[in-house]
Amino acid sequence: MLTQPTIEKLHSMKLTAMAKAFASQMQCPDMTQLSFEERFGLIVDYQMTDLENRRMQNRLKNAKLRLSACIEDLDFKQSRGMDRSTVMSLAGNQWVKSHHNILVTGKTGAGKSYLACALAQKACRDGHSAFYQRVPRLLQDIGVSRHDGRYNKLMNQVVKCEVLILDDLLISPLSREEQKELLEIVEERYDRKATIVTSQLPVKAWHDAMQDPTLADAILDRLVHNAYKIELDGTDSMRRKRTTLDQKTKPVTE
């Protein structure tokens, strides 16, 4: 049997992984001991695995996560209030399927953004879409998009992703117009999608950091209801610790 024409046809149909698996089987004498059904099943499995990997890479690319973080790299040895059992339970992504929120608070450098990105990265690996945005930049971009025709596209991306990270909420006080934009987002996502919010302020201080108390009530009602709360207690900046570690491990050059 001429295998090259078959391989070329597989490539032409963009079944490159299947073509690679078929070629590999033809070069492995032990494969002849398997039945046709078994060999064909292995080829299909190889193609499916490749497809799933490419889909996952696309989800991670579209998520635009600020940090290359993953659950497996989280450091639970630091006294930062990060409970291993809670985080590992969240890593199962039931909160995503149930459309719940996660609120992560703590001082600057405590690892809020890293934890948020790690949870979103795990969600992407498990087949869910995600999108990362710093709140100040997002609100600014929404304002600009209303004038350059990108508004609907941007809002669809923000509203429809399965996991939205709103990083650095209330790093500065929100104006009434910014509150209205934020309310539009959380209203559209409430009980439909999952959201991770990080903030240096404790949740109890969020209301006072917003100008309009009525809008603040509406925003917090949709964010805090059915939300998991993680408060990181570390006093030492994780950024400083990573910088110190890098300096210790960096090779000395003259």
Protein backbone atom coordinates (compact mmCIF):
# COMPACT_ATOMS: atom_id res chain seq x y z
CA MET A 1 0.00 0.00 0.00
CA LEU A 2 1.29 3.46 -0.89
CA THR A 3 1.10 5.52 2.30
CA GLN A 4 2.44 8.84 0.98
CA PRO A 5 -0.70 9.72 -1.05
CA THR A 6 -2.82 9.01 2.04
CA ILE A 7 -0.61 11.24 4.18
CA GLU A 8 -0.79 14.01 1.60
CA LYS A 9 -4.59 13.78 1.53
CA LEU A 10 -4.73 14.02 5.31
CA HIS A 11 -2.56 17.14 5.17
CA SER A 12 -4.79 18.64 2.48
CA MET A 13 -7.78 18.14 4.79
CA LYS A 14 -5.77 19.83 7.58
CA LEU A 15 -5.65 16.59 9.57
CA THR A 16 -1.96 17.04 10.23
CA ALA A 17 -1.93 15.28 13.59
CA MET A 18 -3.69 12.27 12.08
CA ALA A 19 -1.15 12.23 9.24
CA LYS A 20 1.69 12.28 11.75
CA ALA A 21 0.14 9.46 13.79
CA PHE A 22 -0.43 7.37 10.65
CA ALA A 23 3.16 7.85 9.49
CA SER A 24 4.42 6.95 12.95
CA GLN A 25 2.38 3.75 12.96
CA MET A 26 3.76 2.70 9.58
CA GLN A 27 7.28 3.00 10.99
CA CYS A 28 6.50 0.92 14.08
CA PRO A 29 6.47 -2.87 13.40
CA ASP A 30 4.74 -3.60 16.72
CA MET A 31 1.61 -1.83 15.48
CA THR A 32 0.85 -4.78 13.19
CA GLN A 33 -0.12 -6.75 16.28
CA LEU A 34 -3.09 -4.46 16.81
CA SER A 35 -6.39 -4.75 14.96
CA PHE A 36 -7.45 -2.19 12.37
CA GLU A 37 -10.02 -0.78 14.79
CA GLU A 38 -7.39 -0.33 17.52
CA ARG A 39 -4.90 1.33 15.20
CA PHE A 40 -7.52 3.62 13.72
CA GLY A 41 -8.74 4.50 17.20
CA LEU A 42 -5.22 5.56 18.22
CA ILE A 43 -4.93 7.76 15.14
CA VAL A 44 -8.25 9.46 15.87
CA ASP A 45 -7.27 9.95 19.54
CA TYR A 46 -4.04 11.64 18.43
CA GLN A 47 -5.97 14.03 16.19
CA MET A 48 -8.50 14.80 18.92
CA THR A 49 -5.75 15.49 21.48
CA ASP A 50 -4.05 17.86 19.06
CA LEU A 51 -7.34 19.66 18.40
CA GLU A 52 -8.05 20.06 22.11
CA ASN A 53 -4.53 21.38 22.73
CA ARG A 54 -4.88 23.97 19.96
CA ARG A 55 -8.26 25.05 21.29
CA MET A 56 -6.77 25.45 24.76
CA GLN A 57 -3.90 27.52 23.41
CA ASN A 58 -6.39 29.76 21.61
CA ARG A 59 -8.40 30.21 24.81
CA LEU A 60 -5.25 31.19 26.71
CA LYS A 61 -4.23 33.58 23.95
CA ASN A 62 -7.65 35.25 23.88
CA ALA A 63 -7.73 35.48 27.69
CA LYS A 64 -4.78 37.92 27.61
CA LEU A 65 -3.83 36.98 31.15
CA ARG A 66 -1.47 39.50 32.69
CA LEU A 67 0.63 36.84 34.40
CA SER A 68 1.78 33.38 33.36
CA ALA A 69 0.31 31.74 36.43
CA CYS A 70 -0.99 28.27 37.17
CA ILE A 71 -2.55 26.54 40.17
CA GLU A 72 0.34 24.09 40.44
CA ASP A 73 2.81 26.95 41.10
CA LEU A 74 0.88 28.60 43.94
CA ASP A 75 2.90 28.83 47.13
CA PHE A 76 0.75 27.84 50.09
CA LYS A 77 3.67 27.96 52.50
CA GLN A 78 3.51 31.75 52.73
CA SER A 79 1.39 33.04 55.61
CA ARG A 80 -0.91 34.96 53.30
CA GLY A 81 -4.34 33.63 54.18
CA MET A 82 -4.48 31.43 51.08
CA ASP A 83 -6.23 28.25 52.20
CA ARG A 84 -5.11 25.27 50.12
CA SER A 85 -8.40 23.36 50.41
CA THR A 86 -10.43 26.40 49.31
CA VAL A 87 -8.21 27.17 46.32
CA MET A 88 -8.01 23.56 45.19
CA SER A 89 -11.79 23.29 45.46
CA LEU A 90 -12.13 26.38 43.26
CA ALA A 91 -9.68 24.79 40.80
CA GLY A 92 -12.41 22.24 40.04
CA ASN A 93 -14.29 25.10 38.31
CA GLN A 94 -17.70 24.40 39.83
CA TRP A 95 -17.86 28.14 40.59
CA VAL A 96 -17.56 28.79 36.84
CA LYS A 97 -20.36 26.35 36.01
CA SER A 98 -22.54 27.84 38.77
CA HIS A 99 -21.83 31.42 37.61
CA HIS A 100 -20.44 32.54 40.96
CA ASN A 101 -17.85 35.24 41.65
CA ILE A 102 -14.52 35.26 43.48
CA LEU A 103 -13.42 38.39 45.36
CA VAL A 104 -9.70 38.53 46.17
CA THR A 105 -8.51 41.33 48.45
CA GLY A 106 -5.22 42.23 50.10
CA LYS A 107 -2.32 44.65 50.12
CA THR A 108 -0.27 45.41 47.03
CA GLY A 109 2.12 42.61 46.15
CA ALA A 110 0.17 39.99 48.15
CA GLY A 111 -0.43 37.89 45.03
CA LYS A 112 -4.02 38.82 44.17
CA SER A 113 -3.45 39.10 40.41
CA TYR A 114 -1.38 35.91 40.36
CA LEU A 115 -4.11 33.93 42.10
CA ALA A 116 -6.77 35.38 39.79
CA CYS A 117 -4.74 34.52 36.69
CA ALA A 118 -4.00 31.03 38.01
CA LEU A 119 -7.71 30.31 38.51
CA ALA A 120 -8.54 31.70 35.06
CA GLN A 121 -5.73 29.69 33.47
CA LYS A 122 -7.12 26.51 35.06
CA ALA A 123 -10.56 27.39 33.71
CA CYS A 124 -9.08 27.80 30.22
CA ARG A 125 -7.36 24.43 30.49
CA ASP A 126 -10.70 22.88 31.38
CA GLY A 127 -12.50 24.31 28.36
CA HIS A 128 -13.82 27.67 29.59
CA SER A 129 -13.18 31.05 27.97
CA ALA A 130 -11.62 33.86 30.01
CA PHE A 131 -10.69 37.52 29.61
CA TYR A 132 -8.39 39.64 31.79
CA GLN A 133 -8.80 43.39 32.25
CA ARG A 134 -7.49 45.96 34.72
CA VAL A 135 -10.50 48.01 35.78
CA PRO A 136 -8.96 51.47 35.20
CA ARG A 137 -7.84 50.52 31.69
CA LEU A 138 -11.12 48.80 30.88
CA LEU A 139 -13.26 51.77 31.91
CA GLN A 140 -11.03 54.10 29.93
CA ASP A 141 -11.20 51.83 26.89
CA ILE A 142 -14.99 51.62 27.11
CA GLY A 143 -15.22 55.42 27.07
CA VAL A 144 -13.01 55.64 23.98
CA SER A 145 -14.83 52.77 22.25
CA ARG A 146 -18.11 54.68 22.37
CA HIS A 147 -16.57 57.14 19.91
CA ASP A 148 -14.56 54.88 17.61
CA GLY A 149 -17.13 52.18 16.89
CA ARG A 150 -15.61 49.41 19.04
CA TYR A 151 -18.12 49.57 21.88
CA ASN A 152 -20.33 46.61 20.92
CA LYS A 153 -17.33 44.40 20.12
CA LEU A 154 -15.57 45.24 23.38
CA MET A 155 -18.68 44.78 25.51
CA ASN A 156 -19.47 41.45 23.87
CA GLN A 157 -15.98 40.26 24.73
CA VAL A 158 -16.32 41.45 28.32
CA VAL A 159 -19.86 40.22 28.89
CA LYS A 160 -19.84 36.88 27.08
CA CYS A 161 -16.59 35.31 28.30
CA GLU A 162 -17.19 32.59 30.88
CA VAL A 163 -14.60 33.98 33.30
CA LEU A 164 -13.89 37.72 33.52
CA ILE A 165 -11.03 39.04 35.64
CA LEU A 166 -11.58 42.60 36.88
CA ASP A 167 -8.18 43.40 38.35
CA ASP A 168 -7.41 46.40 40.60
CA LEU A 169 -10.97 47.44 41.31
CA LEU A 170 -11.11 50.77 43.18
CA ILE A 171 -7.38 51.40 42.97
CA SER A 172 -8.75 54.94 42.61
CA PRO A 173 -12.30 56.17 43.41
CA LEU A 174 -14.88 55.54 40.69
CA SER A 175 -16.79 58.44 39.19
CA ARG A 176 -20.53 58.18 38.65
CA GLU A 177 -20.05 57.54 34.93
CA GLU A 178 -17.52 54.81 35.66
CA GLN A 179 -19.94 53.27 38.13
CA LYS A 180 -22.61 53.19 35.43
CA GLU A 181 -20.25 51.38 33.06
CA LEU A 182 -19.28 48.88 35.75
CA LEU A 183 -22.92 48.28 36.64
CA GLU A 184 -23.69 47.55 32.98
CA ILE A 185 -21.00 44.85 33.00
CA VAL A 186 -21.93 43.17 36.28
CA GLU A 187 -25.65 43.36 35.47
CA GLU A 188 -25.16 41.53 32.16
CA ARG A 189 -22.97 38.90 33.81
CA TYR A 190 -24.94 38.40 37.02
CA ASP A 191 -26.11 34.79 37.40
CA ARG A 192 -25.00 34.11 33.79
CA LYS A 193 -21.19 34.17 33.93
CA ALA A 194 -18.41 34.01 36.54
CA THR A 195 -16.23 36.95 37.53
CA ILE A 196 -13.01 37.32 39.54
CA VAL A 197 -12.47 40.71 41.18
CA THR A 198 -9.25 41.81 42.88
CA SER A 199 -8.85 44.91 45.02
CA GLN A 200 -6.49 46.39 47.58
CA LEU A 201 -9.52 47.55 49.57
CA PRO A 202 -11.48 45.13 51.76
CA VAL A 203 -14.95 44.40 50.45
CA LYS A 204 -16.57 46.37 53.30
CA ALA A 205 -14.81 49.54 52.05
CA TRP A 206 -15.96 49.27 48.44
CA HIS A 207 -19.25 51.12 48.92
CA ASP A 208 -17.63 54.25 50.37
CA ALA A 209 -15.10 54.35 47.51
CA MET A 210 -17.88 54.99 44.98
CA GLN A 211 -19.46 58.40 44.47
CA ASP A 212 -23.06 57.35 43.90
CA PRO A 213 -24.44 55.23 46.77
CA THR A 214 -27.42 54.00 44.74
CA LEU A 215 -25.19 52.70 41.95
CA ALA A 216 -22.81 51.32 44.57
CA ASP A 217 -25.65 49.32 46.12
CA ALA A 218 -26.59 47.86 42.73
CA ILE A 219 -22.97 46.97 41.82
CA LEU A 220 -22.15 45.34 45.14
CA ASP A 221 -25.43 43.41 45.21
CA ARG A 222 -24.44 41.73 41.94
CA LEU A 223 -20.77 41.22 42.80
CA VAL A 224 -20.93 40.11 46.42
CA HIS A 225 -23.98 37.86 46.24
CA ASN A 226 -22.93 34.19 45.96
CA ALA A 227 -19.26 35.22 45.90
CA TYR A 228 -16.29 33.39 47.36
CA LYS A 229 -14.11 35.80 49.37
CA ILE A 230 -10.36 35.36 49.70
CA GLU A 231 -8.45 37.88 51.78
CA LEU A 232 -4.68 37.64 51.45
CA ASP A 233 -2.99 38.67 54.67
CA GLY A 234 0.68 38.75 53.69
CA THR A 235 2.67 41.78 54.82
CA ASP A 236 5.67 41.12 52.58
CA SER A 237 5.32 41.81 48.88
CA MET A 238 5.48 38.66 46.76
CA ARG A 239 7.05 40.79 44.02
CA ARG A 240 9.95 41.70 46.30
CA LYS A 241 10.37 38.07 47.29
CA ARG A 242 10.46 36.95 43.65
CA THR A 243 12.94 39.72 42.82
CA THR A 244 15.19 38.63 45.70
CA LEU A 245 14.99 35.01 44.58
CA ASP A 246 15.87 35.99 40.99
CA GLN A 247 18.87 37.94 42.21
CA LYS A 248 20.09 34.99 44.26
CA THR A 249 19.74 32.54 41.39
CA LYS A 250 21.00 34.86 38.65
CA PRO A 251 24.45 33.75 37.43
CA VAL A 252 27.28 36.14 38.22
CA THR A 253 28.95 37.60 35.15
CA GLU A 254 31.95 39.85 34.91
